[in-house]
Amino acid sequence: MIKEDDQISRWAEYVKSQPDWKKIHTKFINAQLEKRITMFKKLLKQKNGFKKAMEVLGIRDEESFRRLLG
């Protein structure tokens, strides 16, 4: 297992050595968000998907969740 200090040191070294690290990092984060959105869209189409999505997210207020989804 990698220690937290080692991970921080590796990340700091990467940032120092990669001038375009922000672009790479942004692309990675956006891809993660897109995958999560796609997963939830599929989940919402399933039988009881709305309830399952609420459960996964730990949401108890159905009305607020419906407003959040638009």
PDB file of N, CA and C in Angstrom:
ATOM      1  N   MET A   1       0.845  -1.182   0.000  1.00  0.00           N
ATOM      2  CA  MET A   1       0.000   0.000   0.000  1.00  0.00           C
ATOM      3  C   MET A   1       0.890   1.244   0.000  1.00  0.00           C
ATOM      4  N   ILE A   2       0.519   2.230  -0.800  1.00  0.00           N
ATOM      5  CA  ILE A   2       1.283   3.465  -0.886  1.00  0.00           C
ATOM      6  C   ILE A   2       0.861   4.393   0.249  1.00  0.00           C
ATOM      7  N   LYS A   3       1.844   4.936   0.941  1.00  0.00           N
ATOM      8  CA  LYS A   3       1.541   5.868   2.015  1.00  0.00           C
ATOM      9  C   LYS A   3       1.064   7.194   1.440  1.00  0.00           C
ATOM     10  N   GLU A   4       0.256   7.909   2.217  1.00  0.00           N
ATOM     11  CA  GLU A   4      -0.298   9.178   1.761  1.00  0.00           C
ATOM     12  C   GLU A   4       0.807  10.173   1.401  1.00  0.00           C
ATOM     13  N   ASP A   5       1.868  10.245   2.206  1.00  0.00           N
ATOM     14  CA  ASP A   5       2.973  11.167   1.926  1.00  0.00           C
ATOM     15  C   ASP A   5       3.626  10.848   0.588  1.00  0.00           C
ATOM     16  N   ASP A   6       3.746   9.560   0.281  1.00  0.00           N
ATOM     17  CA  ASP A   6       4.325   9.152  -0.999  1.00  0.00           C
ATOM     18  C   ASP A   6       3.439   9.602  -2.161  1.00  0.00           C
ATOM     19  N   GLN A   7       2.143   9.478  -1.996  1.00  0.00           N
ATOM     20  CA  GLN A   7       1.215   9.903  -3.040  1.00  0.00           C
ATOM     21  C   GLN A   7       1.303  11.408  -3.261  1.00  0.00           C
ATOM     22  N   ILE A   8       1.392  12.160  -2.188  1.00  0.00           N
ATOM     23  CA  ILE A   8       1.493  13.619  -2.289  1.00  0.00           C
ATOM     24  C   ILE A   8       2.796  14.000  -2.979  1.00  0.00           C
ATOM     25  N   SER A   9       3.872  13.347  -2.608  1.00  0.00           N
ATOM     26  CA  SER A   9       5.177  13.626  -3.227  1.00  0.00           C
ATOM     27  C   SER A   9       5.151  13.295  -4.714  1.00  0.00           C
ATOM     28  N   ARG A  10       4.562  12.166  -5.075  1.00  0.00           N
ATOM     29  CA  ARG A  10       4.473  11.780  -6.485  1.00  0.00           C
ATOM     30  C   ARG A  10       3.636  12.782  -7.265  1.00  0.00           C
ATOM     31  N   TRP A  11       2.518  13.234  -6.667  1.00  0.00           N
ATOM     32  CA  TRP A  11       1.661  14.200  -7.346  1.00  0.00           C
ATOM     33  C   TRP A  11       2.410  15.528  -7.519  1.00  0.00           C
ATOM     34  N   ALA A  12       3.098  15.988  -6.488  1.00  0.00           N
ATOM     35  CA  ALA A  12       3.846  17.243  -6.574  1.00  0.00           C
ATOM     36  C   ALA A  12       4.913  17.154  -7.668  1.00  0.00           C
ATOM     37  N   GLU A  13       5.598  16.038  -7.745  1.00  0.00           N
ATOM     38  CA  GLU A  13       6.619  15.850  -8.775  1.00  0.00           C
ATOM     39  C   GLU A  13       5.995  15.852 -10.168  1.00  0.00           C
ATOM     40  N   TYR A  14       4.853  15.215 -10.294  1.00  0.00           N
ATOM     41  CA  TYR A  14       4.154  15.175 -11.581  1.00  0.00           C
ATOM     42  C   TYR A  14       3.766  16.589 -12.021  1.00  0.00           C
ATOM     43  N   VAL A  15       3.192  17.361 -11.088  1.00  0.00           N
ATOM     44  CA  VAL A  15       2.758  18.726 -11.401  1.00  0.00           C
ATOM     45  C   VAL A  15       3.950  19.577 -11.832  1.00  0.00           C
ATOM     46  N   LYS A  16       5.058  19.414 -11.151  1.00  0.00           N
ATOM     47  CA  LYS A  16       6.264  20.177 -11.493  1.00  0.00           C
ATOM     48  C   LYS A  16       6.797  19.809 -12.875  1.00  0.00           C
ATOM     49  N   SER A  17       6.668  18.558 -13.245  1.00  0.00           N
ATOM     50  CA  SER A  17       7.290  18.075 -14.484  1.00  0.00           C
ATOM     51  C   SER A  17       6.364  18.128 -15.709  1.00  0.00           C
ATOM     52  N   GLN A  18       5.093  18.392 -15.513  1.00  0.00           N
ATOM     53  CA  GLN A  18       4.121  18.385 -16.612  1.00  0.00           C
ATOM     54  C   GLN A  18       3.456  19.756 -16.733  1.00  0.00           C
ATOM     55  N   PRO A  19       3.888  20.584 -17.665  1.00  0.00           N
ATOM     56  CA  PRO A  19       3.291  21.914 -17.799  1.00  0.00           C
ATOM     57  C   PRO A  19       1.789  21.881 -18.108  1.00  0.00           C
ATOM     58  N   ASP A  20       1.321  20.826 -18.756  1.00  0.00           N
ATOM     59  CA  ASP A  20      -0.102  20.750 -19.110  1.00  0.00           C
ATOM     60  C   ASP A  20      -0.889  19.836 -18.170  1.00  0.00           C
ATOM     61  N   TRP A  21      -0.432  19.702 -16.928  1.00  0.00           N
ATOM     62  CA  TRP A  21      -1.074  18.796 -15.975  1.00  0.00           C
ATOM     63  C   TRP A  21      -2.533  19.178 -15.723  1.00  0.00           C
ATOM     64  N   LYS A  22      -2.850  20.480 -15.738  1.00  0.00           N
ATOM     65  CA  LYS A  22      -4.234  20.898 -15.473  1.00  0.00           C
ATOM     66  C   LYS A  22      -5.174  20.385 -16.558  1.00  0.00           C
ATOM     67  N   LYS A  23      -4.736  20.462 -17.797  1.00  0.00           N
ATOM     68  CA  LYS A  23      -5.562  19.999 -18.919  1.00  0.00           C
ATOM     69  C   LYS A  23      -5.795  18.485 -18.805  1.00  0.00           C
ATOM     70  N   ILE A  24      -4.749  17.753 -18.499  1.00  0.00           N
ATOM     71  CA  ILE A  24      -4.843  16.298 -18.347  1.00  0.00           C
ATOM     72  C   ILE A  24      -5.758  15.946 -17.182  1.00  0.00           C
ATOM     73  N   HIS A  25      -5.576  16.641 -16.074  1.00  0.00           N
ATOM     74  CA  HIS A  25      -6.371  16.378 -14.874  1.00  0.00           C
ATOM     75  C   HIS A  25      -7.853  16.706 -15.118  1.00  0.00           C
ATOM     76  N   THR A  26      -8.103  17.835 -15.793  1.00  0.00           N
ATOM     77  CA  THR A  26      -9.480  18.230 -16.095  1.00  0.00           C
ATOM     78  C   THR A  26     -10.149  17.188 -16.987  1.00  0.00           C
ATOM     79  N   LYS A  27      -9.426  16.708 -17.980  1.00  0.00           N
ATOM     80  CA  LYS A  27      -9.969  15.682 -18.875  1.00  0.00           C
ATOM     81  C   LYS A  27     -10.339  14.420 -18.080  1.00  0.00           C
ATOM     82  N   PHE A  28      -9.478  14.028 -17.161  1.00  0.00           N
ATOM     83  CA  PHE A  28      -9.735  12.849 -16.323  1.00  0.00           C
ATOM     84  C   PHE A  28     -10.976  13.050 -15.451  1.00  0.00           C
ATOM     85  N   ILE A  29     -11.057  14.180 -14.766  1.00  0.00           N
ATOM     86  CA  ILE A  29     -12.193  14.456 -13.885  1.00  0.00           C
ATOM     87  C   ILE A  29     -13.495  14.511 -14.693  1.00  0.00           C
ATOM     88  N   ASN A  30     -13.474  15.180 -15.829  1.00  0.00           N
ATOM     89  CA  ASN A  30     -14.672  15.254 -16.669  1.00  0.00           C
ATOM     90  C   ASN A  30     -15.121  13.874 -17.132  1.00  0.00           C
ATOM     91  N   ALA A  31     -14.171  13.012 -17.470  1.00  0.00           N
ATOM     92  CA  ALA A  31     -14.517  11.648 -17.891  1.00  0.00           C
ATOM     93  C   ALA A  31     -15.177  10.891 -16.746  1.00  0.00           C
ATOM     94  N   GLN A  32     -14.669  11.077 -15.518  1.00  0.00           N
ATOM     95  CA  GLN A  32     -15.273  10.412 -14.363  1.00  0.00           C
ATOM     96  C   GLN A  32     -16.708  10.883 -14.155  1.00  0.00           C
ATOM     97  N   LEU A  33     -16.925  12.184 -14.273  1.00  0.00           N
ATOM     98  CA  LEU A  33     -18.274  12.731 -14.105  1.00  0.00           C
ATOM     99  C   LEU A  33     -19.218  12.233 -15.197  1.00  0.00           C
ATOM    100  N   GLU A  34     -18.740  12.196 -16.424  1.00  0.00           N
ATOM    101  CA  GLU A  34     -19.564  11.714 -17.532  1.00  0.00           C
ATOM    102  C   GLU A  34     -19.966  10.255 -17.329  1.00  0.00           C
ATOM    103  N   LYS A  35     -19.040   9.437 -16.848  1.00  0.00           N
ATOM    104  CA  LYS A  35     -19.358   8.026 -16.581  1.00  0.00           C
ATOM    105  C   LYS A  35     -20.417   7.912 -15.494  1.00  0.00           C
ATOM    106  N   ARG A  36     -20.300   8.730 -14.469  1.00  0.00           N
ATOM    107  CA  ARG A  36     -21.273   8.672 -13.373  1.00  0.00           C
ATOM    108  C   ARG A  36     -22.652   9.125 -13.861  1.00  0.00           C
ATOM    109  N   ILE A  37     -22.694  10.173 -14.662  1.00  0.00           N
ATOM    110  CA  ILE A  37     -23.969  10.656 -15.197  1.00  0.00           C
ATOM    111  C   ILE A  37     -24.606   9.591 -16.080  1.00  0.00           C
ATOM    112  N   THR A  38     -23.812   8.955 -16.929  1.00  0.00           N
ATOM    113  CA  THR A  38     -24.311   7.893 -17.802  1.00  0.00           C
ATOM    114  C   THR A  38     -24.871   6.737 -16.976  1.00  0.00           C
ATOM    115  N   MET A  39     -24.156   6.365 -15.923  1.00  0.00           N
ATOM    116  CA  MET A  39     -24.604   5.275 -15.056  1.00  0.00           C
ATOM    117  C   MET A  39     -25.948   5.607 -14.415  1.00  0.00           C
ATOM    118  N   PHE A  40     -26.089   6.848 -13.927  1.00  0.00           N
ATOM    119  CA  PHE A  40     -27.346   7.224 -13.290  1.00  0.00           C
ATOM    120  C   PHE A  40     -28.490   7.315 -14.291  1.00  0.00           C
ATOM    121  N   LYS A  41     -28.214   7.769 -15.501  1.00  0.00           N
ATOM    122  CA  LYS A  41     -29.264   7.800 -16.522  1.00  0.00           C
ATOM    123  C   LYS A  41     -29.766   6.394 -16.810  1.00  0.00           C
ATOM    124  N   LYS A  42     -28.848   5.431 -16.899  1.00  0.00           N
ATOM    125  CA  LYS A  42     -29.238   4.038 -17.120  1.00  0.00           C
ATOM    126  C   LYS A  42     -30.014   3.506 -15.922  1.00  0.00           C
ATOM    127  N   LEU A  43     -29.541   3.837 -14.731  1.00  0.00           N
ATOM    128  CA  LEU A  43     -30.198   3.376 -13.511  1.00  0.00           C
ATOM    129  C   LEU A  43     -31.623   3.915 -13.432  1.00  0.00           C
ATOM    130  N   LEU A  44     -31.815   5.177 -13.775  1.00  0.00           N
ATOM    131  CA  LEU A  44     -33.147   5.780 -13.703  1.00  0.00           C
ATOM    132  C   LEU A  44     -34.130   5.138 -14.681  1.00  0.00           C
ATOM    133  N   LYS A  45     -33.642   4.507 -15.743  1.00  0.00           N
ATOM    134  CA  LYS A  45     -34.511   3.846 -16.716  1.00  0.00           C
ATOM    135  C   LYS A  45     -34.951   2.457 -16.260  1.00  0.00           C
ATOM    136  N   GLN A  46     -34.277   1.902 -15.272  1.00  0.00           N
ATOM    137  CA  GLN A  46     -34.608   0.559 -14.791  1.00  0.00           C
ATOM    138  C   GLN A  46     -35.854   0.604 -13.906  1.00  0.00           C
ATOM    139  N   LYS A  47     -36.431  -0.575 -13.719  1.00  0.00           N
ATOM    140  CA  LYS A  47     -37.561  -0.696 -12.812  1.00  0.00           C
ATOM    141  C   LYS A  47     -37.086  -0.275 -11.417  1.00  0.00           C
ATOM    142  N   ASN A  48     -37.836   0.598 -10.783  1.00  0.00           N
ATOM    143  CA  ASN A  48     -37.489   1.154  -9.468  1.00  0.00           C
ATOM    144  C   ASN A  48     -36.151   1.890  -9.478  1.00  0.00           C
ATOM    145  N   GLY A  49     -35.745   2.343 -10.655  1.00  0.00           N
ATOM    146  CA  GLY A  49     -34.456   3.028 -10.788  1.00  0.00           C
ATOM    147  C   GLY A  49     -34.367   4.304  -9.984  1.00  0.00           C
ATOM    148  N   PHE A  50     -35.465   5.036  -9.913  1.00  0.00           N
ATOM    149  CA  PHE A  50     -35.474   6.284  -9.156  1.00  0.00           C
ATOM    150  C   PHE A  50     -35.161   6.005  -7.691  1.00  0.00           C
ATOM    151  N   LYS A  51     -35.815   5.002  -7.137  1.00  0.00           N
ATOM    152  CA  LYS A  51     -35.581   4.635  -5.729  1.00  0.00           C
ATOM    153  C   LYS A  51     -34.162   4.115  -5.535  1.00  0.00           C
ATOM    154  N   LYS A  52     -33.672   3.337  -6.503  1.00  0.00           N
ATOM    155  CA  LYS A  52     -32.306   2.813  -6.413  1.00  0.00           C
ATOM    156  C   LYS A  52     -31.291   3.951  -6.427  1.00  0.00           C
ATOM    157  N   ALA A  53     -31.515   4.941  -7.290  1.00  0.00           N
ATOM    158  CA  ALA A  53     -30.604   6.085  -7.372  1.00  0.00           C
ATOM    159  C   ALA A  53     -30.600   6.856  -6.055  1.00  0.00           C
ATOM    160  N   MET A  54     -31.769   7.030  -5.474  1.00  0.00           N
ATOM    161  CA  MET A  54     -31.845   7.715  -4.182  1.00  0.00           C
ATOM    162  C   MET A  54     -31.056   6.944  -3.129  1.00  0.00           C
ATOM    163  N   GLU A  55     -31.181   5.638  -3.163  1.00  0.00           N
ATOM    164  CA  GLU A  55     -30.485   4.790  -2.199  1.00  0.00           C
ATOM    165  C   GLU A  55     -28.960   4.888  -2.373  1.00  0.00           C
ATOM    166  N   VAL A  56     -28.511   4.817  -3.614  1.00  0.00           N
ATOM    167  CA  VAL A  56     -27.078   4.890  -3.904  1.00  0.00           C
ATOM    168  C   VAL A  56     -26.498   6.215  -3.411  1.00  0.00           C
ATOM    169  N   LEU A  57     -27.252   7.291  -3.617  1.00  0.00           N
ATOM    170  CA  LEU A  57     -26.778   8.617  -3.234  1.00  0.00           C
ATOM    171  C   LEU A  57     -27.052   8.965  -1.769  1.00  0.00           C
ATOM    172  N   GLY A  58     -27.802   8.121  -1.094  1.00  0.00           N
ATOM    173  CA  GLY A  58     -28.123   8.383   0.307  1.00  0.00           C
ATOM    174  C   GLY A  58     -29.118   9.520   0.477  1.00  0.00           C
ATOM    175  N   ILE A  59     -30.009   9.680  -0.506  1.00  0.00           N
ATOM    176  CA  ILE A  59     -31.009  10.747  -0.479  1.00  0.00           C
ATOM    177  C   ILE A  59     -32.310  10.180   0.059  1.00  0.00           C
ATOM    178  N   ARG A  60     -32.924  10.907   0.986  1.00  0.00           N
ATOM    179  CA  ARG A  60     -34.167  10.424   1.586  1.00  0.00           C
ATOM    180  C   ARG A  60     -35.386  11.223   1.124  1.00  0.00           C
ATOM    181  N   ASP A  61     -35.163  12.463   0.698  1.00  0.00           N
ATOM    182  CA  ASP A  61     -36.273  13.344   0.322  1.00  0.00           C
ATOM    183  C   ASP A  61     -36.544  13.226  -1.176  1.00  0.00           C
ATOM    184  N   GLU A  62     -37.574  12.474  -1.511  1.00  0.00           N
ATOM    185  CA  GLU A  62     -37.896  12.206  -2.920  1.00  0.00           C
ATOM    186  C   GLU A  62     -38.244  13.480  -3.681  1.00  0.00           C
ATOM    187  N   GLU A  63     -38.979  14.372  -3.060  1.00  0.00           N
ATOM    188  CA  GLU A  63     -39.371  15.622  -3.723  1.00  0.00           C
ATOM    189  C   GLU A  63     -38.147  16.453  -4.105  1.00  0.00           C
ATOM    190  N   SER A  64     -37.202  16.584  -3.201  1.00  0.00           N
ATOM    191  CA  SER A  64     -35.977  17.354  -3.482  1.00  0.00           C
ATOM    192  C   SER A  64     -35.165  16.695  -4.588  1.00  0.00           C
ATOM    193  N   PHE A  65     -35.116  15.379  -4.578  1.00  0.00           N
ATOM    194  CA  PHE A  65     -34.358  14.657  -5.597  1.00  0.00           C
ATOM    195  C   PHE A  65     -34.996  14.875  -6.971  1.00  0.00           C
ATOM    196  N   ARG A  66     -36.316  14.843  -7.036  1.00  0.00           N
ATOM    197  CA  ARG A  66     -37.010  15.092  -8.310  1.00  0.00           C
ATOM    198  C   ARG A  66     -36.705  16.502  -8.821  1.00  0.00           C
ATOM    199  N   ARG A  67     -36.677  17.482  -7.901  1.00  0.00           N
ATOM    200  CA  ARG A  67     -36.346  18.862  -8.303  1.00  0.00           C
ATOM    201  C   ARG A  67     -34.915  18.942  -8.797  1.00  0.00           C
ATOM    202  N   LEU A  68     -34.024  18.224  -8.152  1.00  0.00           N
ATOM    203  CA  LEU A  68     -32.614  18.219  -8.545  1.00  0.00           C
ATOM    204  C   LEU A  68     -32.443  17.686  -9.966  1.00  0.00           C
ATOM    205  N   LEU A  69     -33.201  16.653 -10.304  1.00  0.00           N
ATOM    206  CA  LEU A  69     -33.117  16.049 -11.628  1.00  0.00           C
ATOM    207  C   LEU A  69     -33.775  16.899 -12.714  1.00  0.00           C
ATOM    208  N   GLY A  70     -34.618  17.809 -12.285  1.00  0.00           N
ATOM    209  CA  GLY A  70     -35.273  18.700 -13.260  1.00  0.00           C
ATOM    210  C   GLY A  70     -36.472  18.105 -13.789  1.00  0.00           C
TER     211      GLY A  70
END
